[in-house]
Amino acid sequence: MPRTRKTPDFENSLAQLEAVVERMEQGDLPIEDALKAFEEGVKLTRECQTILDQTEQKVQVLIEQQGELKTRPFDEADAE
């Protein structure tokens, strides 16, 4: 059964952000549209940052020490 997402999808939000930046870089938007595009870009940037922050928290390595589960940040050196 497919999961329904209530949170924004990172790849989708990033693609939308890239499209907004591209529109703004063309430089032919009226000031009102440019402001709306900027606001949308800020919103999308915050969504992406929130997703990245949440993912960073999830990517912590669980280790067991003396019968207790403790977390430590993921270290690329551990992956090798």
PDB file of N, CA and C in Angstrom:
ATOM      1  N   MET A   1       0.852  -1.183   0.000  1.00  0.00           N
ATOM      2  CA  MET A   1       0.000   0.000   0.000  1.00  0.00           C
ATOM      3  C   MET A   1       0.892   1.239   0.000  1.00  0.00           C
ATOM      4  N   PRO A   2       0.719   2.158  -0.947  1.00  0.00           N
ATOM      5  CA  PRO A   2       1.571   3.335  -1.007  1.00  0.00           C
ATOM      6  C   PRO A   2       1.345   4.267   0.170  1.00  0.00           C
ATOM      7  N   ARG A   3       2.466   4.848   0.621  1.00  0.00           N
ATOM      8  CA  ARG A   3       2.377   5.814   1.714  1.00  0.00           C
ATOM      9  C   ARG A   3       2.001   7.182   1.158  1.00  0.00           C
ATOM     10  N   THR A   4       1.170   7.877   1.897  1.00  0.00           N
ATOM     11  CA  THR A   4       0.859   9.253   1.506  1.00  0.00           C
ATOM     12  C   THR A   4       1.763  10.164   2.316  1.00  0.00           C
ATOM     13  N   ARG A   5       2.314  11.153   1.657  1.00  0.00           N
ATOM     14  CA  ARG A   5       3.232  12.065   2.319  1.00  0.00           C
ATOM     15  C   ARG A   5       2.505  13.332   2.741  1.00  0.00           C
ATOM     16  N   LYS A   6       2.719  13.690   3.987  1.00  0.00           N
ATOM     17  CA  LYS A   6       2.186  14.954   4.456  1.00  0.00           C
ATOM     18  C   LYS A   6       3.273  16.015   4.452  1.00  0.00           C
ATOM     19  N   THR A   7       4.534  15.565   4.437  1.00  0.00           N
ATOM     20  CA  THR A   7       5.639  16.505   4.411  1.00  0.00           C
ATOM     21  C   THR A   7       6.097  16.690   2.967  1.00  0.00           C
ATOM     22  N   PRO A   8       6.678  17.845   2.683  1.00  0.00           N
ATOM     23  CA  PRO A   8       7.146  18.093   1.314  1.00  0.00           C
ATOM     24  C   PRO A   8       8.248  17.116   0.926  1.00  0.00           C
ATOM     25  N   ASP A   9       8.325  16.802  -0.328  1.00  0.00           N
ATOM     26  CA  ASP A   9       9.352  15.938  -0.879  1.00  0.00           C
ATOM     27  C   ASP A   9      10.560  16.812  -1.233  1.00  0.00           C
ATOM     28  N   PHE A  10      11.739  16.421  -0.753  1.00  0.00           N
ATOM     29  CA  PHE A  10      12.938  17.237  -0.958  1.00  0.00           C
ATOM     30  C   PHE A  10      13.226  17.470  -2.438  1.00  0.00           C
ATOM     31  N   GLU A  11      13.243  16.394  -3.205  1.00  0.00           N
ATOM     32  CA  GLU A  11      13.575  16.522  -4.622  1.00  0.00           C
ATOM     33  C   GLU A  11      12.588  17.418  -5.356  1.00  0.00           C
ATOM     34  N   ASN A  12      11.313  17.288  -5.024  1.00  0.00           N
ATOM     35  CA  ASN A  12      10.285  18.113  -5.646  1.00  0.00           C
ATOM     36  C   ASN A  12      10.460  19.586  -5.251  1.00  0.00           C
ATOM     37  N   SER A  13      10.688  19.827  -3.966  1.00  0.00           N
ATOM     38  CA  SER A  13      10.881  21.202  -3.493  1.00  0.00           C
ATOM     39  C   SER A  13      12.120  21.818  -4.120  1.00  0.00           C
ATOM     40  N   LEU A  14      13.193  21.038  -4.237  1.00  0.00           N
ATOM     41  CA  LEU A  14      14.424  21.542  -4.837  1.00  0.00           C
ATOM     42  C   LEU A  14      14.228  21.858  -6.318  1.00  0.00           C
ATOM     43  N   ALA A  15      13.507  21.000  -7.024  1.00  0.00           N
ATOM     44  CA  ALA A  15      13.230  21.245  -8.441  1.00  0.00           C
ATOM     45  C   ALA A  15      12.394  22.520  -8.609  1.00  0.00           C
ATOM     46  N   GLN A  16      11.416  22.708  -7.737  1.00  0.00           N
ATOM     47  CA  GLN A  16      10.600  23.926  -7.796  1.00  0.00           C
ATOM     48  C   GLN A  16      11.457  25.155  -7.520  1.00  0.00           C
ATOM     49  N   LEU A  17      12.353  25.042  -6.543  1.00  0.00           N
ATOM     50  CA  LEU A  17      13.246  26.156  -6.212  1.00  0.00           C
ATOM     51  C   LEU A  17      14.142  26.506  -7.397  1.00  0.00           C
ATOM     52  N   GLU A  18      14.680  25.487  -8.048  1.00  0.00           N
ATOM     53  CA  GLU A  18      15.518  25.726  -9.220  1.00  0.00           C
ATOM     54  C   GLU A  18      14.731  26.423 -10.325  1.00  0.00           C
ATOM     55  N   ALA A  19      13.479  26.047 -10.510  1.00  0.00           N
ATOM     56  CA  ALA A  19      12.638  26.682 -11.529  1.00  0.00           C
ATOM     57  C   ALA A  19      12.380  28.150 -11.181  1.00  0.00           C
ATOM     58  N   VAL A  20      12.159  28.426  -9.905  1.00  0.00           N
ATOM     59  CA  VAL A  20      11.935  29.817  -9.471  1.00  0.00           C
ATOM     60  C   VAL A  20      13.186  30.646  -9.733  1.00  0.00           C
ATOM     61  N   VAL A  21      14.338  30.108  -9.367  1.00  0.00           N
ATOM     62  CA  VAL A  21      15.592  30.831  -9.581  1.00  0.00           C
ATOM     63  C   VAL A  21      15.807  31.096 -11.064  1.00  0.00           C
ATOM     64  N   GLU A  22      15.546  30.099 -11.874  1.00  0.00           N
ATOM     65  CA  GLU A  22      15.711  30.269 -13.328  1.00  0.00           C
ATOM     66  C   GLU A  22      14.809  31.375 -13.864  1.00  0.00           C
ATOM     67  N   ARG A  23      13.532  31.388 -13.414  1.00  0.00           N
ATOM     68  CA  ARG A  23      12.606  32.450 -13.850  1.00  0.00           C
ATOM     69  C   ARG A  23      13.129  33.818 -13.439  1.00  0.00           C
ATOM     70  N   MET A  24      13.619  33.909 -12.195  1.00  0.00           N
ATOM     71  CA  MET A  24      14.087  35.202 -11.700  1.00  0.00           C
ATOM     72  C   MET A  24      15.366  35.648 -12.415  1.00  0.00           C
ATOM     73  N   GLU A  25      16.223  34.702 -12.766  1.00  0.00           N
ATOM     74  CA  GLU A  25      17.478  35.044 -13.428  1.00  0.00           C
ATOM     75  C   GLU A  25      17.257  35.601 -14.834  1.00  0.00           C
ATOM     76  N   GLN A  26      16.117  35.284 -15.434  1.00  0.00           N
ATOM     77  CA  GLN A  26      15.826  35.808 -16.768  1.00  0.00           C
ATOM     78  C   GLN A  26      15.665  37.325 -16.738  1.00  0.00           C
ATOM     79  N   GLY A  27      15.245  37.859 -15.597  1.00  0.00           N
ATOM     80  CA  GLY A  27      15.196  39.300 -15.416  1.00  0.00           C
ATOM     81  C   GLY A  27      14.055  40.020 -16.082  1.00  0.00           C
ATOM     82  N   ASP A  28      13.088  39.295 -16.628  1.00  0.00           N
ATOM     83  CA  ASP A  28      11.991  39.969 -17.323  1.00  0.00           C
ATOM     84  C   ASP A  28      10.673  39.926 -16.555  1.00  0.00           C
ATOM     85  N   LEU A  29      10.729  39.610 -15.267  1.00  0.00           N
ATOM     86  CA  LEU A  29       9.507  39.570 -14.454  1.00  0.00           C
ATOM     87  C   LEU A  29       9.152  40.970 -13.971  1.00  0.00           C
ATOM     88  N   PRO A  30       7.879  41.323 -14.036  1.00  0.00           N
ATOM     89  CA  PRO A  30       7.449  42.572 -13.401  1.00  0.00           C
ATOM     90  C   PRO A  30       7.756  42.499 -11.904  1.00  0.00           C
ATOM     91  N   ILE A  31       7.938  43.621 -11.284  1.00  0.00           N
ATOM     92  CA  ILE A  31       8.361  43.686  -9.883  1.00  0.00           C
ATOM     93  C   ILE A  31       7.434  42.882  -8.962  1.00  0.00           C
ATOM     94  N   GLU A  32       6.118  42.937  -9.214  1.00  0.00           N
ATOM     95  CA  GLU A  32       5.171  42.205  -8.373  1.00  0.00           C
ATOM     96  C   GLU A  32       5.388  40.695  -8.498  1.00  0.00           C
ATOM     97  N   ASP A  33       5.615  40.237  -9.722  1.00  0.00           N
ATOM     98  CA  ASP A  33       5.854  38.813  -9.957  1.00  0.00           C
ATOM     99  C   ASP A  33       7.209  38.385  -9.397  1.00  0.00           C
ATOM    100  N   ALA A  34       8.193  39.270  -9.504  1.00  0.00           N
ATOM    101  CA  ALA A  34       9.517  38.971  -8.958  1.00  0.00           C
ATOM    102  C   ALA A  34       9.441  38.823  -7.439  1.00  0.00           C
ATOM    103  N   LEU A  35       8.664  39.686  -6.797  1.00  0.00           N
ATOM    104  CA  LEU A  35       8.508  39.602  -5.345  1.00  0.00           C
ATOM    105  C   LEU A  35       7.814  38.304  -4.948  1.00  0.00           C
ATOM    106  N   LYS A  36       6.771  37.924  -5.683  1.00  0.00           N
ATOM    107  CA  LYS A  36       6.077  36.663  -5.410  1.00  0.00           C
ATOM    108  C   LYS A  36       7.018  35.476  -5.618  1.00  0.00           C
ATOM    109  N   ALA A  37       7.821  35.526  -6.671  1.00  0.00           N
ATOM    110  CA  ALA A  37       8.774  34.449  -6.943  1.00  0.00           C
ATOM    111  C   ALA A  37       9.817  34.376  -5.822  1.00  0.00           C
ATOM    112  N   PHE A  38      10.266  35.532  -5.351  1.00  0.00           N
ATOM    113  CA  PHE A  38      11.231  35.567  -4.258  1.00  0.00           C
ATOM    114  C   PHE A  38      10.636  34.950  -2.993  1.00  0.00           C
ATOM    115  N   GLU A  39       9.392  35.321  -2.684  1.00  0.00           N
ATOM    116  CA  GLU A  39       8.717  34.759  -1.503  1.00  0.00           C
ATOM    117  C   GLU A  39       8.577  33.244  -1.630  1.00  0.00           C
ATOM    118  N   GLU A  40       8.223  32.784  -2.823  1.00  0.00           N
ATOM    119  CA  GLU A  40       8.103  31.347  -3.058  1.00  0.00           C
ATOM    120  C   GLU A  40       9.469  30.667  -2.883  1.00  0.00           C
ATOM    121  N   GLY A  41      10.512  31.314  -3.379  1.00  0.00           N
ATOM    122  CA  GLY A  41      11.860  30.775  -3.238  1.00  0.00           C
ATOM    123  C   GLY A  41      12.291  30.659  -1.785  1.00  0.00           C
ATOM    124  N   VAL A  42      11.977  31.667  -0.994  1.00  0.00           N
ATOM    125  CA  VAL A  42      12.301  31.627   0.441  1.00  0.00           C
ATOM    126  C   VAL A  42      11.557  30.480   1.110  1.00  0.00           C
ATOM    127  N   LYS A  43      10.271  30.318   0.795  1.00  0.00           N
ATOM    128  CA  LYS A  43       9.460  29.233   1.370  1.00  0.00           C
ATOM    129  C   LYS A  43      10.059  27.877   0.994  1.00  0.00           C
ATOM    130  N   LEU A  44      10.412  27.699  -0.268  1.00  0.00           N
ATOM    131  CA  LEU A  44      10.978  26.431  -0.730  1.00  0.00           C
ATOM    132  C   LEU A  44      12.342  26.169  -0.096  1.00  0.00           C
ATOM    133  N   THR A  45      13.143  27.222   0.059  1.00  0.00           N
ATOM    134  CA  THR A  45      14.444  27.080   0.712  1.00  0.00           C
ATOM    135  C   THR A  45      14.264  26.599   2.148  1.00  0.00           C
ATOM    136  N   ARG A  46      13.300  27.163   2.845  1.00  0.00           N
ATOM    137  CA  ARG A  46      13.032  26.744   4.234  1.00  0.00           C
ATOM    138  C   ARG A  46      12.546  25.310   4.291  1.00  0.00           C
ATOM    139  N   GLU A  47      11.691  24.926   3.343  1.00  0.00           N
ATOM    140  CA  GLU A  47      11.217  23.540   3.296  1.00  0.00           C
ATOM    141  C   GLU A  47      12.392  22.581   3.104  1.00  0.00           C
ATOM    142  N   CYS A  48      13.264  22.906   2.159  1.00  0.00           N
ATOM    143  CA  CYS A  48      14.426  22.052   1.891  1.00  0.00           C
ATOM    144  C   CYS A  48      15.330  21.971   3.122  1.00  0.00           C
ATOM    145  N   GLN A  49      15.568  23.105   3.769  1.00  0.00           N
ATOM    146  CA  GLN A  49      16.434  23.107   4.947  1.00  0.00           C
ATOM    147  C   GLN A  49      15.822  22.283   6.080  1.00  0.00           C
ATOM    148  N   THR A  50      14.514  22.377   6.261  1.00  0.00           N
ATOM    149  CA  THR A  50      13.838  21.590   7.285  1.00  0.00           C
ATOM    150  C   THR A  50      13.982  20.099   7.008  1.00  0.00           C
ATOM    151  N   ILE A  51      13.789  19.723   5.757  1.00  0.00           N
ATOM    152  CA  ILE A  51      13.927  18.314   5.376  1.00  0.00           C
ATOM    153  C   ILE A  51      15.355  17.843   5.631  1.00  0.00           C
ATOM    154  N   LEU A  52      16.334  18.653   5.251  1.00  0.00           N
ATOM    155  CA  LEU A  52      17.730  18.284   5.470  1.00  0.00           C
ATOM    156  C   LEU A  52      18.051  18.157   6.957  1.00  0.00           C
ATOM    157  N   ASP A  53      17.531  19.081   7.755  1.00  0.00           N
ATOM    158  CA  ASP A  53      17.749  19.012   9.201  1.00  0.00           C
ATOM    159  C   ASP A  53      17.150  17.745   9.795  1.00  0.00           C
ATOM    160  N   GLN A  54      15.931  17.408   9.376  1.00  0.00           N
ATOM    161  CA  GLN A  54      15.274  16.202   9.874  1.00  0.00           C
ATOM    162  C   GLN A  54      16.035  14.955   9.437  1.00  0.00           C
ATOM    163  N   THR A  55      16.519  14.960   8.219  1.00  0.00           N
ATOM    164  CA  THR A  55      17.269  13.817   7.709  1.00  0.00           C
ATOM    165  C   THR A  55      18.582  13.664   8.464  1.00  0.00           C
ATOM    166  N   GLU A  56      19.234  14.765   8.740  1.00  0.00           N
ATOM    167  CA  GLU A  56      20.489  14.718   9.485  1.00  0.00           C
ATOM    168  C   GLU A  56      20.271  14.083  10.860  1.00  0.00           C
ATOM    169  N   GLN A  57      19.168  14.417  11.500  1.00  0.00           N
ATOM    170  CA  GLN A  57      18.865  13.839  12.800  1.00  0.00           C
ATOM    171  C   GLN A  57      18.622  12.338  12.692  1.00  0.00           C
ATOM    172  N   LYS A  58      17.996  11.902  11.603  1.00  0.00           N
ATOM    173  CA  LYS A  58      17.699  10.486  11.424  1.00  0.00           C
ATOM    174  C   LYS A  58      18.942   9.671  11.105  1.00  0.00           C
ATOM    175  N   VAL A  59      19.947  10.343  10.503  1.00  0.00           N
ATOM    176  CA  VAL A  59      21.141   9.643  10.061  1.00  0.00           C
ATOM    177  C   VAL A  59      22.187   9.639  11.183  1.00  0.00           C
ATOM    178  N   GLN A  60      21.756   9.382  12.368  1.00  0.00           N
ATOM    179  CA  GLN A  60      22.666   9.218  13.484  1.00  0.00           C
ATOM    180  C   GLN A  60      22.832   7.728  13.741  1.00  0.00           C
ATOM    181  N   VAL A  61      24.041   7.358  14.025  1.00  0.00           N
ATOM    182  CA  VAL A  61      24.344   5.956  14.214  1.00  0.00           C
ATOM    183  C   VAL A  61      24.037   5.567  15.654  1.00  0.00           C
ATOM    184  N   LEU A  62      23.234   4.485  15.798  1.00  0.00           N
ATOM    185  CA  LEU A  62      22.952   3.962  17.130  1.00  0.00           C
ATOM    186  C   LEU A  62      24.054   2.987  17.531  1.00  0.00           C
ATOM    187  N   ILE A  63      24.545   3.166  18.710  1.00  0.00           N
ATOM    188  CA  ILE A  63      25.520   2.224  19.231  1.00  0.00           C
ATOM    189  C   ILE A  63      25.083   1.771  20.614  1.00  0.00           C
ATOM    190  N   GLU A  64      25.486   0.602  20.964  1.00  0.00           N
ATOM    191  CA  GLU A  64      25.114   0.075  22.271  1.00  0.00           C
ATOM    192  C   GLU A  64      26.338   0.085  23.168  1.00  0.00           C
ATOM    193  N   GLN A  65      26.206   0.762  24.301  1.00  0.00           N
ATOM    194  CA  GLN A  65      27.284   0.816  25.283  1.00  0.00           C
ATOM    195  C   GLN A  65      26.704   0.511  26.652  1.00  0.00           C
ATOM    196  N   GLN A  66      27.214  -0.496  27.262  1.00  0.00           N
ATOM    197  CA  GLN A  66      26.812  -0.876  28.613  1.00  0.00           C
ATOM    198  C   GLN A  66      25.300  -1.018  28.734  1.00  0.00           C
ATOM    199  N   GLY A  67      24.700  -1.663  27.756  1.00  0.00           N
ATOM    200  CA  GLY A  67      23.276  -1.934  27.805  1.00  0.00           C
ATOM    201  C   GLY A  67      22.380  -0.762  27.460  1.00  0.00           C
ATOM    202  N   GLU A  68      22.953   0.399  27.164  1.00  0.00           N
ATOM    203  CA  GLU A  68      22.156   1.580  26.833  1.00  0.00           C
ATOM    204  C   GLU A  68      22.366   1.931  25.360  1.00  0.00           C
ATOM    205  N   LEU A  69      21.313   2.352  24.725  1.00  0.00           N
ATOM    206  CA  LEU A  69      21.438   2.834  23.351  1.00  0.00           C
ATOM    207  C   LEU A  69      21.801   4.305  23.400  1.00  0.00           C
ATOM    208  N   LYS A  70      22.858   4.656  22.700  1.00  0.00           N
ATOM    209  CA  LYS A  70      23.280   6.051  22.618  1.00  0.00           C
ATOM    210  C   LYS A  70      23.417   6.401  21.154  1.00  0.00           C
ATOM    211  N   THR A  71      23.310   7.661  20.856  1.00  0.00           N
ATOM    212  CA  THR A  71      23.466   8.095  19.473  1.00  0.00           C
ATOM    213  C   THR A  71      24.728   8.916  19.345  1.00  0.00           C
ATOM    214  N   ARG A  72      25.275   8.890  18.147  1.00  0.00           N
ATOM    215  CA  ARG A  72      26.379   9.770  17.808  1.00  0.00           C
ATOM    216  C   ARG A  72      26.194  10.170  16.361  1.00  0.00           C
ATOM    217  N   PRO A  73      26.679  11.320  15.967  1.00  0.00           N
ATOM    218  CA  PRO A  73      26.507  11.767  14.597  1.00  0.00           C
ATOM    219  C   PRO A  73      27.165  10.787  13.624  1.00  0.00           C
ATOM    220  N   PHE A  74      26.579  10.678  12.452  1.00  0.00           N
ATOM    221  CA  PHE A  74      27.125   9.840  11.397  1.00  0.00           C
ATOM    222  C   PHE A  74      28.459  10.428  10.968  1.00  0.00           C
ATOM    223  N   ASP A  75      29.475   9.586  10.880  1.00  0.00           N
ATOM    224  CA  ASP A  75      30.806  10.028  10.489  1.00  0.00           C
ATOM    225  C   ASP A  75      31.196   9.272   9.233  1.00  0.00           C
ATOM    226  N   GLU A  76      31.597   9.990   8.193  1.00  0.00           N
ATOM    227  CA  GLU A  76      31.947   9.339   6.937  1.00  0.00           C
ATOM    228  C   GLU A  76      33.071   8.337   7.137  1.00  0.00           C
ATOM    229  N   ALA A  77      33.956   8.552   8.089  1.00  0.00           N
ATOM    230  CA  ALA A  77      35.051   7.630   8.339  1.00  0.00           C
ATOM    231  C   ALA A  77      34.512   6.276   8.802  1.00  0.00           C
ATOM    232  N   ASP A  78      33.375   6.260   9.496  1.00  0.00           N
ATOM    233  CA  ASP A  78      32.766   5.011   9.946  1.00  0.00           C
ATOM    234  C   ASP A  78      32.250   4.185   8.780  1.00  0.00           C
ATOM    235  N   ALA A  79      31.885   4.858   7.697  1.00  0.00           N
ATOM    236  CA  ALA A  79      31.290   4.176   6.558  1.00  0.00           C
ATOM    237  C   ALA A  79      32.334   3.420   5.739  1.00  0.00           C
ATOM    238  N   GLU A  80      33.588   3.792   5.871  1.00  0.00           N
ATOM    239  CA  GLU A  80      34.643   3.161   5.067  1.00  0.00           C
ATOM    240  C   GLU A  80      35.116   1.878   5.658  1.00  0.00           C
TER     241      GLU A  80
END
